[in-house]
Amino acid sequence: MQTRHIALIAGLLVAIAGAGGTLWWLYRAKPAPPAPYAEAPAAAPEAPPASAPVADVGPKHPIEPLAAASAVQPLPALDQADGVVQAALAELIGRQGVMAFLNVDGFVRRAVVTIDNLARPHAAPRLWPVQPSPGRLQRVVAGEAELIAPDNARRYEPFVALVASVEPSRAAALYRRLYPLFQQAYAELGYPRGHFNDRLVEVVDHLLAAPEPTLPPAVRLTEVKGEVPSTRPWVRYEFVDQTLEALSSGQKIMVRIGTTNERRLKAWLTGFRQAIVSSR
């Protein structure tokens, strides 16, 4: 678990929803141009045998794009959509919020691949739609253990506050407006018969189930094996508790940002989930 972070799980959802991106800053690497195909899911759906085609299964959580908005100003193709998406995000969270927290280059593809990976062991930071947070992981020594310091949560408070300031229903409305772009990116990722909104709801539920430790978790430097030593060992920490270390990338983020921030994000995600499930 690296110290570059994305307090944005809710933001990743605010973002992907058309709003700011929660899933999230846990890492401090500079994002590179998106390459979703290189980060396809670990177990992409296999093509069915030609003699036994698989019927397209309807969505569990159908969502309809906003017809009125599409009729007045049709969405551009995904490869040409960055300008429209950036303008939509600026309208939702403000231009300063976009510039401070998001990476809008290839935002839709970044959001889709990151959302999909939040429920998996690893979400590649170079593909995240958010900017790295300042500073390093704050720790305190307790006996022979190192704990995440209570003050560490302050690093994530500005973004969490931004997410909480966005009305979930407004984020959901923008998400519906841009939904064809997210669905296209999801199909490109390796799910031609999948429905992105179903995956989004599934990931939100997964994040809402993240544990809320009553005590600051203990951490330790991740051992880097090999002949070439790490030049920045301080950016890689892991939980000492193996139950926490076994969590998905998204749930680790939820734990890492502190209980207060985690609960605020969960409250926002609950409202957002309700809006995208009941929007039809």
C-alpha atoms as a PDB file:
ATOM      1  CA  MET A   1       0.000   0.000   0.000  1.00  0.00           C
ATOM      2  CA  GLN A   2       1.768   3.138  -1.158  1.00  0.00           C
ATOM      3  CA  THR A   3       1.514   6.561   0.392  1.00  0.00           C
ATOM      4  CA  ARG A   4       0.163   8.213  -2.729  1.00  0.00           C
ATOM      5  CA  HIS A   5      -3.530   8.601  -2.075  1.00  0.00           C
ATOM      6  CA  ILE A   6      -6.918   9.125  -3.473  1.00  0.00           C
ATOM      7  CA  ALA A   7      -9.230  10.280  -0.787  1.00  0.00           C
ATOM      8  CA  LEU A   8     -11.413  10.201  -3.651  1.00  0.00           C
ATOM      9  CA  ILE A   9     -13.361   7.262  -3.640  1.00  0.00           C
ATOM     10  CA  ALA A  10     -16.272   9.311  -3.147  1.00  0.00           C
ATOM     11  CA  GLY A  11     -14.669  11.808  -5.321  1.00  0.00           C
ATOM     12  CA  LEU A  12     -13.805   9.278  -7.870  1.00  0.00           C
ATOM     13  CA  LEU A  13     -17.458   8.703  -7.736  1.00  0.00           C
ATOM     14  CA  VAL A  14     -18.309  12.299  -7.674  1.00  0.00           C
ATOM     15  CA  ALA A  15     -15.968  12.503 -10.517  1.00  0.00           C
ATOM     16  CA  ILE A  16     -17.103   9.496 -12.378  1.00  0.00           C
ATOM     17  CA  ALA A  17     -20.563  10.431 -11.660  1.00  0.00           C
ATOM     18  CA  GLY A  18     -19.732  13.400 -13.526  1.00  0.00           C
ATOM     19  CA  ALA A  19     -18.465  14.651 -10.284  1.00  0.00           C
ATOM     20  CA  GLY A  20     -15.196  14.421  -8.576  1.00  0.00           C
ATOM     21  CA  GLY A  21     -13.180  11.408  -8.632  1.00  0.00           C
ATOM     22  CA  THR A  22     -13.011   8.595  -4.122  1.00  0.00           C
ATOM     23  CA  LEU A  23     -11.826   6.503  -5.200  1.00  0.00           C
ATOM     24  CA  TRP A  24      -8.590   8.387  -4.561  1.00  0.00           C
ATOM     25  CA  TRP A  25      -4.367  10.113  -3.377  1.00  0.00           C
ATOM     26  CA  LEU A  26      -2.996   7.050  -1.610  1.00  0.00           C
ATOM     27  CA  TYR A  27      -0.119   7.146  -4.071  1.00  0.00           C
ATOM     28  CA  ARG A  28       2.219   9.956  -5.032  1.00  0.00           C
ATOM     29  CA  ALA A  29       3.189   9.084  -8.582  1.00  0.00           C
ATOM     30  CA  LYS A  30       2.493  11.543 -11.369  1.00  0.00           C
ATOM     31  CA  PRO A  31      -0.332  10.113 -13.509  1.00  0.00           C
ATOM     32  CA  ALA A  32       0.625   9.117 -17.033  1.00  0.00           C
ATOM     33  CA  PRO A  33      -1.684   9.204 -20.072  1.00  0.00           C
ATOM     34  CA  PRO A  34      -4.420   6.600 -19.727  1.00  0.00           C
ATOM     35  CA  ALA A  35      -3.865   3.124 -21.121  1.00  0.00           C
ATOM     36  CA  PRO A  36      -6.941   1.190 -20.067  1.00  0.00           C
ATOM     37  CA  TYR A  37      -6.162  -1.824 -22.163  1.00  0.00           C
ATOM     38  CA  ALA A  38      -2.888  -2.342 -20.302  1.00  0.00           C
ATOM     39  CA  GLU A  39      -4.790  -2.334 -17.037  1.00  0.00           C
ATOM     40  CA  ALA A  40      -7.650  -4.619 -18.050  1.00  0.00           C
ATOM     41  CA  PRO A  41      -9.162  -6.619 -15.188  1.00  0.00           C
ATOM     42  CA  ALA A  42      -7.267  -9.652 -13.974  1.00  0.00           C
ATOM     43  CA  ALA A  43      -9.983 -12.005 -15.164  1.00  0.00           C
ATOM     44  CA  ALA A  44     -11.606 -10.521 -18.242  1.00  0.00           C
ATOM     45  CA  PRO A  45     -14.679 -12.314 -19.546  1.00  0.00           C
ATOM     46  CA  GLU A  46     -13.837 -15.136 -21.916  1.00  0.00           C
ATOM     47  CA  ALA A  47     -15.416 -15.190 -25.350  1.00  0.00           C
ATOM     48  CA  PRO A  48     -18.156 -17.836 -25.504  1.00  0.00           C
ATOM     49  CA  PRO A  49     -17.856 -20.733 -27.981  1.00  0.00           C
ATOM     50  CA  ALA A  50     -19.258 -19.946 -31.414  1.00  0.00           C
ATOM     51  CA  SER A  51     -21.692 -22.840 -31.087  1.00  0.00           C
ATOM     52  CA  ALA A  52     -23.129 -21.572 -27.821  1.00  0.00           C
ATOM     53  CA  PRO A  53     -23.525 -17.771 -27.915  1.00  0.00           C
ATOM     54  CA  VAL A  54     -24.279 -16.064 -24.620  1.00  0.00           C
ATOM     55  CA  ALA A  55     -27.332 -13.845 -24.616  1.00  0.00           C
ATOM     56  CA  ASP A  56     -26.912 -10.266 -23.462  1.00  0.00           C
ATOM     57  CA  VAL A  57     -28.105 -10.116 -19.871  1.00  0.00           C
ATOM     58  CA  GLY A  58     -30.113  -7.036 -18.992  1.00  0.00           C
ATOM     59  CA  PRO A  59     -28.748  -4.621 -16.396  1.00  0.00           C
ATOM     60  CA  LYS A  60     -29.580  -5.126 -12.727  1.00  0.00           C
ATOM     61  CA  HIS A  61     -29.637  -1.369 -12.250  1.00  0.00           C
ATOM     62  CA  PRO A  62     -30.737   0.171 -15.561  1.00  0.00           C
ATOM     63  CA  ILE A  63     -30.005   3.849 -15.983  1.00  0.00           C
ATOM     64  CA  GLU A  64     -31.133   6.071 -18.816  1.00  0.00           C
ATOM     65  CA  PRO A  65     -29.054   9.016 -20.093  1.00  0.00           C
ATOM     66  CA  LEU A  66     -30.743  12.410 -19.898  1.00  0.00           C
ATOM     67  CA  ALA A  67     -32.557  12.509 -23.213  1.00  0.00           C
ATOM     68  CA  ALA A  68     -33.182  16.248 -23.179  1.00  0.00           C
ATOM     69  CA  ALA A  69     -29.519  17.125 -22.724  1.00  0.00           C
ATOM     70  CA  SER A  70     -28.454  14.640 -25.388  1.00  0.00           C
ATOM     71  CA  ALA A  71     -30.987  15.983 -27.866  1.00  0.00           C
ATOM     72  CA  VAL A  72     -29.869  19.595 -27.457  1.00  0.00           C
ATOM     73  CA  GLN A  73     -26.141  18.878 -27.486  1.00  0.00           C
ATOM     74  CA  PRO A  74     -25.177  15.321 -28.478  1.00  0.00           C
ATOM     75  CA  LEU A  75     -22.144  13.928 -26.721  1.00  0.00           C
ATOM     76  CA  PRO A  76     -18.924  13.770 -28.754  1.00  0.00           C
ATOM     77  CA  ALA A  77     -17.082  10.526 -29.378  1.00  0.00           C
ATOM     78  CA  LEU A  78     -15.158   9.242 -26.374  1.00  0.00           C
ATOM     79  CA  ASP A  79     -11.781  10.158 -27.899  1.00  0.00           C
ATOM     80  CA  GLN A  80     -12.942  13.767 -28.316  1.00  0.00           C
ATOM     81  CA  ALA A  81     -14.864  14.089 -25.047  1.00  0.00           C
ATOM     82  CA  ASP A  82     -12.234  15.571 -22.718  1.00  0.00           C
ATOM     83  CA  GLY A  83     -13.330  19.175 -23.269  1.00  0.00           C
ATOM     84  CA  VAL A  84     -17.007  18.431 -22.631  1.00  0.00           C
ATOM     85  CA  VAL A  85     -16.229  16.339 -19.564  1.00  0.00           C
ATOM     86  CA  GLN A  86     -13.900  18.983 -18.127  1.00  0.00           C
ATOM     87  CA  ALA A  87     -16.530  21.690 -18.596  1.00  0.00           C
ATOM     88  CA  ALA A  88     -19.171  19.491 -16.949  1.00  0.00           C
ATOM     89  CA  LEU A  89     -16.918  18.804 -13.960  1.00  0.00           C
ATOM     90  CA  ALA A  90     -16.108  22.492 -13.622  1.00  0.00           C
ATOM     91  CA  GLU A  91     -19.814  23.276 -13.572  1.00  0.00           C
ATOM     92  CA  LEU A  92     -20.347  20.731 -10.816  1.00  0.00           C
ATOM     93  CA  ILE A  93     -17.387  21.299  -8.481  1.00  0.00           C
ATOM     94  CA  GLY A  94     -15.880  24.547  -9.778  1.00  0.00           C
ATOM     95  CA  ARG A  95     -12.865  25.135 -12.005  1.00  0.00           C
ATOM     96  CA  GLN A  96     -10.555  25.485  -9.013  1.00  0.00           C
ATOM     97  CA  GLY A  97     -11.706  22.124  -7.674  1.00  0.00           C
ATOM     98  CA  VAL A  98     -11.007  20.499 -11.031  1.00  0.00           C
ATOM     99  CA  MET A  99      -7.536  22.030 -11.291  1.00  0.00           C
ATOM    100  CA  ALA A 100      -6.614  21.203  -7.684  1.00  0.00           C
ATOM    101  CA  PHE A 101      -7.843  17.626  -7.452  1.00  0.00           C
ATOM    102  CA  LEU A 102      -8.498  16.015 -10.821  1.00  0.00           C
ATOM    103  CA  ASN A 103      -6.598  14.773 -13.847  1.00  0.00           C
ATOM    104  CA  VAL A 104      -8.968  15.473 -16.727  1.00  0.00           C
ATOM    105  CA  ASP A 105      -6.762  14.060 -19.479  1.00  0.00           C
ATOM    106  CA  GLY A 106      -8.685  10.955 -20.550  1.00  0.00           C
ATOM    107  CA  PHE A 107     -10.841  11.362 -17.460  1.00  0.00           C
ATOM    108  CA  VAL A 108     -13.648   8.973 -18.426  1.00  0.00           C
ATOM    109  CA  ARG A 109     -11.306   6.076 -19.189  1.00  0.00           C
ATOM    110  CA  ARG A 110      -9.291   6.786 -16.045  1.00  0.00           C
ATOM    111  CA  ALA A 111     -12.432   6.829 -13.925  1.00  0.00           C
ATOM    112  CA  VAL A 112     -13.819   3.617 -15.386  1.00  0.00           C
ATOM    113  CA  VAL A 113     -10.646   1.541 -15.008  1.00  0.00           C
ATOM    114  CA  THR A 114     -10.065   2.889 -11.489  1.00  0.00           C
ATOM    115  CA  ILE A 115     -13.640   2.260 -10.363  1.00  0.00           C
ATOM    116  CA  ASP A 116     -13.402  -1.278 -11.696  1.00  0.00           C
ATOM    117  CA  ASN A 117     -10.132  -1.859  -9.825  1.00  0.00           C
ATOM    118  CA  LEU A 118     -11.192  -0.415  -6.464  1.00  0.00           C
ATOM    119  CA  ALA A 119     -12.694  -3.776  -5.532  1.00  0.00           C
ATOM    120  CA  ARG A 120      -9.505  -5.574  -6.623  1.00  0.00           C
ATOM    121  CA  PRO A 121      -6.108  -5.910  -4.892  1.00  0.00           C
ATOM    122  CA  HIS A 122      -4.456  -3.179  -6.961  1.00  0.00           C
ATOM    123  CA  ALA A 123      -5.567   0.011  -8.699  1.00  0.00           C
ATOM    124  CA  ALA A 124      -2.725   1.396 -10.822  1.00  0.00           C
ATOM    125  CA  PRO A 125      -2.064   4.990  -9.649  1.00  0.00           C
ATOM    126  CA  ARG A 126      -0.866   6.134 -13.077  1.00  0.00           C
ATOM    127  CA  LEU A 127      -4.413   5.656 -14.359  1.00  0.00           C
ATOM    128  CA  TRP A 128      -6.271   7.408 -11.560  1.00  0.00           C
ATOM    129  CA  PRO A 129      -8.303  10.520 -12.423  1.00  0.00           C
ATOM    130  CA  VAL A 130      -7.000  12.449  -9.393  1.00  0.00           C
ATOM    131  CA  GLN A 131      -3.912  14.411  -8.467  1.00  0.00           C
ATOM    132  CA  PRO A 132      -1.525  13.197  -5.737  1.00  0.00           C
ATOM    133  CA  SER A 133      -1.942  14.602  -2.241  1.00  0.00           C
ATOM    134  CA  PRO A 134       0.799  16.635  -0.613  1.00  0.00           C
ATOM    135  CA  GLY A 135       3.038  15.324   2.116  1.00  0.00           C
ATOM    136  CA  ARG A 136       3.873  11.836   3.350  1.00  0.00           C
ATOM    137  CA  LEU A 137       2.067   9.330   5.483  1.00  0.00           C
ATOM    138  CA  GLN A 138       2.169  10.599   9.075  1.00  0.00           C
ATOM    139  CA  ARG A 139       3.109   8.000  11.676  1.00  0.00           C
ATOM    140  CA  VAL A 140       3.620   7.811  15.439  1.00  0.00           C
ATOM    141  CA  VAL A 141       5.723   5.312  17.377  1.00  0.00           C
ATOM    142  CA  ALA A 142       3.922   3.255  20.024  1.00  0.00           C
ATOM    143  CA  GLY A 143       6.329   0.850  21.684  1.00  0.00           C
ATOM    144  CA  GLU A 144       7.804  -1.268  18.919  1.00  0.00           C
ATOM    145  CA  ALA A 145       5.009  -0.450  16.501  1.00  0.00           C
ATOM    146  CA  GLU A 146       4.385   2.422  14.094  1.00  0.00           C
ATOM    147  CA  LEU A 147       0.799   3.614  13.859  1.00  0.00           C
ATOM    148  CA  ILE A 148      -0.915   5.887  11.360  1.00  0.00           C
ATOM    149  CA  ALA A 149      -0.966   9.230  13.170  1.00  0.00           C
ATOM    150  CA  PRO A 150      -4.355  10.827  13.862  1.00  0.00           C
ATOM    151  CA  ASP A 151      -3.114  13.997  12.123  1.00  0.00           C
ATOM    152  CA  ASN A 152      -2.585  12.035   8.907  1.00  0.00           C
ATOM    153  CA  ALA A 153      -6.319  12.327   8.181  1.00  0.00           C
ATOM    154  CA  ARG A 154      -5.946  16.094   7.751  1.00  0.00           C
ATOM    155  CA  ARG A 155      -4.203  15.549   4.437  1.00  0.00           C
ATOM    156  CA  TYR A 156      -7.460  14.245   2.983  1.00  0.00           C
ATOM    157  CA  GLU A 157      -9.901  16.679   4.560  1.00  0.00           C
ATOM    158  CA  PRO A 158      -9.894  19.265   1.714  1.00  0.00           C
ATOM    159  CA  PHE A 159     -10.969  16.711  -0.835  1.00  0.00           C
ATOM    160  CA  VAL A 160     -13.454  15.022   1.456  1.00  0.00           C
ATOM    161  CA  ALA A 161     -14.972  18.446   2.139  1.00  0.00           C
ATOM    162  CA  LEU A 162     -15.231  19.073  -1.608  1.00  0.00           C
ATOM    163  CA  VAL A 163     -17.009  15.765  -2.138  1.00  0.00           C
ATOM    164  CA  ALA A 164     -19.392  16.372   0.757  1.00  0.00           C
ATOM    165  CA  SER A 165     -20.271  19.814  -0.647  1.00  0.00           C
ATOM    166  CA  VAL A 166     -21.707  18.269  -3.837  1.00  0.00           C
ATOM    167  CA  GLU A 167     -25.343  17.250  -3.679  1.00  0.00           C
ATOM    168  CA  PRO A 168     -25.475  13.538  -4.632  1.00  0.00           C
ATOM    169  CA  SER A 169     -28.537  14.113  -6.821  1.00  0.00           C
ATOM    170  CA  ARG A 170     -26.631  16.719  -8.886  1.00  0.00           C
ATOM    171  CA  ALA A 171     -23.720  14.341  -9.306  1.00  0.00           C
ATOM    172  CA  ALA A 172     -26.121  11.595 -10.366  1.00  0.00           C
ATOM    173  CA  ALA A 173     -27.774  13.888 -12.928  1.00  0.00           C
ATOM    174  CA  LEU A 174     -24.426  14.685 -14.524  1.00  0.00           C
ATOM    175  CA  TYR A 175     -23.482  11.021 -14.455  1.00  0.00           C
ATOM    176  CA  ARG A 176     -26.657  10.185 -16.377  1.00  0.00           C
ATOM    177  CA  ARG A 177     -25.869  12.883 -18.910  1.00  0.00           C
ATOM    178  CA  LEU A 178     -22.381  11.466 -19.527  1.00  0.00           C
ATOM    179  CA  TYR A 179     -23.313   7.816 -19.059  1.00  0.00           C
ATOM    180  CA  PRO A 180     -22.893   6.753 -22.737  1.00  0.00           C
ATOM    181  CA  LEU A 181     -19.212   7.717 -22.480  1.00  0.00           C
ATOM    182  CA  PHE A 182     -18.700   5.655 -19.324  1.00  0.00           C
ATOM    183  CA  GLN A 183     -20.498   2.695 -20.867  1.00  0.00           C
ATOM    184  CA  GLN A 184     -18.332   2.869 -24.000  1.00  0.00           C
ATOM    185  CA  ALA A 185     -15.153   2.994 -21.898  1.00  0.00           C
ATOM    186  CA  TYR A 186     -16.365   0.018 -19.877  1.00  0.00           C
ATOM    187  CA  ALA A 187     -16.973  -2.002 -23.044  1.00  0.00           C
ATOM    188  CA  GLU A 188     -13.476  -1.126 -24.259  1.00  0.00           C
ATOM    189  CA  LEU A 189     -12.073  -2.350 -20.950  1.00  0.00           C
ATOM    190  CA  GLY A 190     -13.183  -5.867 -21.774  1.00  0.00           C
ATOM    191  CA  TYR A 191     -16.877  -5.993 -20.856  1.00  0.00           C
ATOM    192  CA  PRO A 192     -18.755  -5.710 -24.173  1.00  0.00           C
ATOM    193  CA  ARG A 193     -21.868  -7.273 -22.611  1.00  0.00           C
ATOM    194  CA  GLY A 194     -21.443  -5.604 -19.232  1.00  0.00           C
ATOM    195  CA  HIS A 195     -23.262  -2.603 -17.809  1.00  0.00           C
ATOM    196  CA  PHE A 196     -21.095  -0.012 -16.124  1.00  0.00           C
ATOM    197  CA  ASN A 197     -23.792   1.208 -13.759  1.00  0.00           C
ATOM    198  CA  ASP A 198     -24.115  -2.320 -12.363  1.00  0.00           C
ATOM    199  CA  ARG A 199     -20.367  -2.394 -11.709  1.00  0.00           C
ATOM    200  CA  LEU A 200     -20.479   1.064 -10.147  1.00  0.00           C
ATOM    201  CA  VAL A 201     -23.233   0.073  -7.722  1.00  0.00           C
ATOM    202  CA  GLU A 202     -21.325  -3.108  -6.890  1.00  0.00           C
ATOM    203  CA  VAL A 203     -18.143  -1.153  -6.130  1.00  0.00           C
ATOM    204  CA  VAL A 204     -19.994   1.441  -4.057  1.00  0.00           C
ATOM    205  CA  ASP A 205     -21.497  -1.361  -1.960  1.00  0.00           C
ATOM    206  CA  HIS A 206     -18.021  -2.822  -1.565  1.00  0.00           C
ATOM    207  CA  LEU A 207     -16.632   0.492  -0.313  1.00  0.00           C
ATOM    208  CA  LEU A 208     -19.537   0.951   2.085  1.00  0.00           C
ATOM    209  CA  ALA A 209     -18.588  -2.399   3.627  1.00  0.00           C
ATOM    210  CA  ALA A 210     -15.040  -1.234   4.455  1.00  0.00           C
ATOM    211  CA  PRO A 211     -14.104  -1.735   8.111  1.00  0.00           C
ATOM    212  CA  GLU A 212     -13.790   1.188  10.513  1.00  0.00           C
ATOM    213  CA  PRO A 213     -10.938   0.408  12.922  1.00  0.00           C
ATOM    214  CA  THR A 214     -11.470   1.778  16.419  1.00  0.00           C
ATOM    215  CA  LEU A 215      -7.716   2.248  16.904  1.00  0.00           C
ATOM    216  CA  PRO A 216      -5.091   3.688  14.539  1.00  0.00           C
ATOM    217  CA  PRO A 217      -3.789   0.818  12.358  1.00  0.00           C
ATOM    218  CA  ALA A 218      -0.156  -0.261  12.667  1.00  0.00           C
ATOM    219  CA  VAL A 219       1.933  -0.036   9.494  1.00  0.00           C
ATOM    220  CA  ARG A 220       5.398  -1.043   8.359  1.00  0.00           C
ATOM    221  CA  LEU A 221       7.594  -0.446   5.344  1.00  0.00           C
ATOM    222  CA  THR A 222       6.958  -2.893   2.550  1.00  0.00           C
ATOM    223  CA  GLU A 223       9.976  -5.100   1.972  1.00  0.00           C
ATOM    224  CA  VAL A 224      11.354  -4.477  -1.506  1.00  0.00           C
ATOM    225  CA  LYS A 225      13.124  -7.590  -2.741  1.00  0.00           C
ATOM    226  CA  GLY A 226      15.615  -7.720  -5.565  1.00  0.00           C
ATOM    227  CA  GLU A 227      19.104  -6.545  -6.480  1.00  0.00           C
ATOM    228  CA  VAL A 228      18.074  -2.919  -7.035  1.00  0.00           C
ATOM    229  CA  PRO A 229      17.210  -1.138  -3.766  1.00  0.00           C
ATOM    230  CA  SER A 230      14.218   1.190  -3.634  1.00  0.00           C
ATOM    231  CA  THR A 231      15.233   4.839  -3.942  1.00  0.00           C
ATOM    232  CA  ARG A 232      12.055   6.025  -2.185  1.00  0.00           C
ATOM    233  CA  PRO A 233      11.223   3.345   0.395  1.00  0.00           C
ATOM    234  CA  TRP A 234       9.055   5.708   2.409  1.00  0.00           C
ATOM    235  CA  VAL A 235       6.287   5.705  -0.204  1.00  0.00           C
ATOM    236  CA  ARG A 236       5.443   2.036   0.353  1.00  0.00           C
ATOM    237  CA  TYR A 237       3.752   0.990   3.559  1.00  0.00           C
ATOM    238  CA  GLU A 238       1.561  -1.962   4.396  1.00  0.00           C
ATOM    239  CA  PHE A 239      -0.778  -2.788   7.257  1.00  0.00           C
ATOM    240  CA  VAL A 240       0.649  -5.034   9.959  1.00  0.00           C
ATOM    241  CA  ASP A 241      -2.783  -6.543  10.555  1.00  0.00           C
ATOM    242  CA  GLN A 242      -3.105  -9.148   7.810  1.00  0.00           C
ATOM    243  CA  THR A 243      -6.879  -8.785   7.782  1.00  0.00           C
ATOM    244  CA  LEU A 244      -6.482  -5.133   6.787  1.00  0.00           C
ATOM    245  CA  GLU A 245      -3.628  -5.893   4.399  1.00  0.00           C
ATOM    246  CA  ALA A 246      -5.857  -8.411   2.606  1.00  0.00           C
ATOM    247  CA  LEU A 247      -8.478  -5.756   1.856  1.00  0.00           C
ATOM    248  CA  SER A 248      -9.045  -4.496  -1.676  1.00  0.00           C
ATOM    249  CA  SER A 249      -7.302  -1.344  -2.879  1.00  0.00           C
ATOM    250  CA  GLY A 250     -10.483   0.674  -2.358  1.00  0.00           C
ATOM    251  CA  GLN A 251     -11.194  -0.553   1.147  1.00  0.00           C
ATOM    252  CA  LYS A 252      -7.573   0.091   2.150  1.00  0.00           C
ATOM    253  CA  ILE A 253      -8.027   3.665   1.045  1.00  0.00           C
ATOM    254  CA  MET A 254     -11.146   4.003   3.135  1.00  0.00           C
ATOM    255  CA  VAL A 255      -9.273   2.749   6.191  1.00  0.00           C
ATOM    256  CA  ARG A 256      -6.185   4.830   5.445  1.00  0.00           C
ATOM    257  CA  ILE A 257      -7.941   8.203   5.349  1.00  0.00           C
ATOM    258  CA  GLY A 258      -9.205   7.994   8.939  1.00  0.00           C
ATOM    259  CA  THR A 259     -12.540   7.061  10.465  1.00  0.00           C
ATOM    260  CA  THR A 260     -14.086  10.553  10.334  1.00  0.00           C
ATOM    261  CA  ASN A 261     -13.270  11.018   6.652  1.00  0.00           C
ATOM    262  CA  GLU A 262     -14.341   7.452   5.922  1.00  0.00           C
ATOM    263  CA  ARG A 263     -17.754   7.999   7.468  1.00  0.00           C
ATOM    264  CA  ARG A 264     -18.253  11.263   5.587  1.00  0.00           C
ATOM    265  CA  LEU A 265     -17.447   9.534   2.309  1.00  0.00           C
ATOM    266  CA  LYS A 266     -19.727   6.638   3.137  1.00  0.00           C
ATOM    267  CA  ALA A 267     -22.584   9.054   3.844  1.00  0.00           C
ATOM    268  CA  TRP A 268     -22.052  10.691   0.454  1.00  0.00           C
ATOM    269  CA  LEU A 269     -21.760   7.370  -1.334  1.00  0.00           C
ATOM    270  CA  THR A 270     -25.001   6.178   0.251  1.00  0.00           C
ATOM    271  CA  GLY A 271     -26.846   9.196  -1.148  1.00  0.00           C
ATOM    272  CA  PHE A 272     -25.204   8.842  -4.538  1.00  0.00           C
ATOM    273  CA  ARG A 273     -26.027   5.144  -4.731  1.00  0.00           C
ATOM    274  CA  GLN A 274     -29.673   5.865  -4.003  1.00  0.00           C
ATOM    275  CA  ALA A 275     -29.737   8.470  -6.759  1.00  0.00           C
ATOM    276  CA  ILE A 276     -28.239   6.265  -9.467  1.00  0.00           C
ATOM    277  CA  VAL A 277     -30.356   3.245  -8.556  1.00  0.00           C
ATOM    278  CA  SER A 278     -33.646   5.122  -8.378  1.00  0.00           C
ATOM    279  CA  SER A 279     -32.953   7.457 -11.325  1.00  0.00           C
ATOM    280  CA  ARG A 280     -34.791   5.357 -13.882  1.00  0.00           C
END
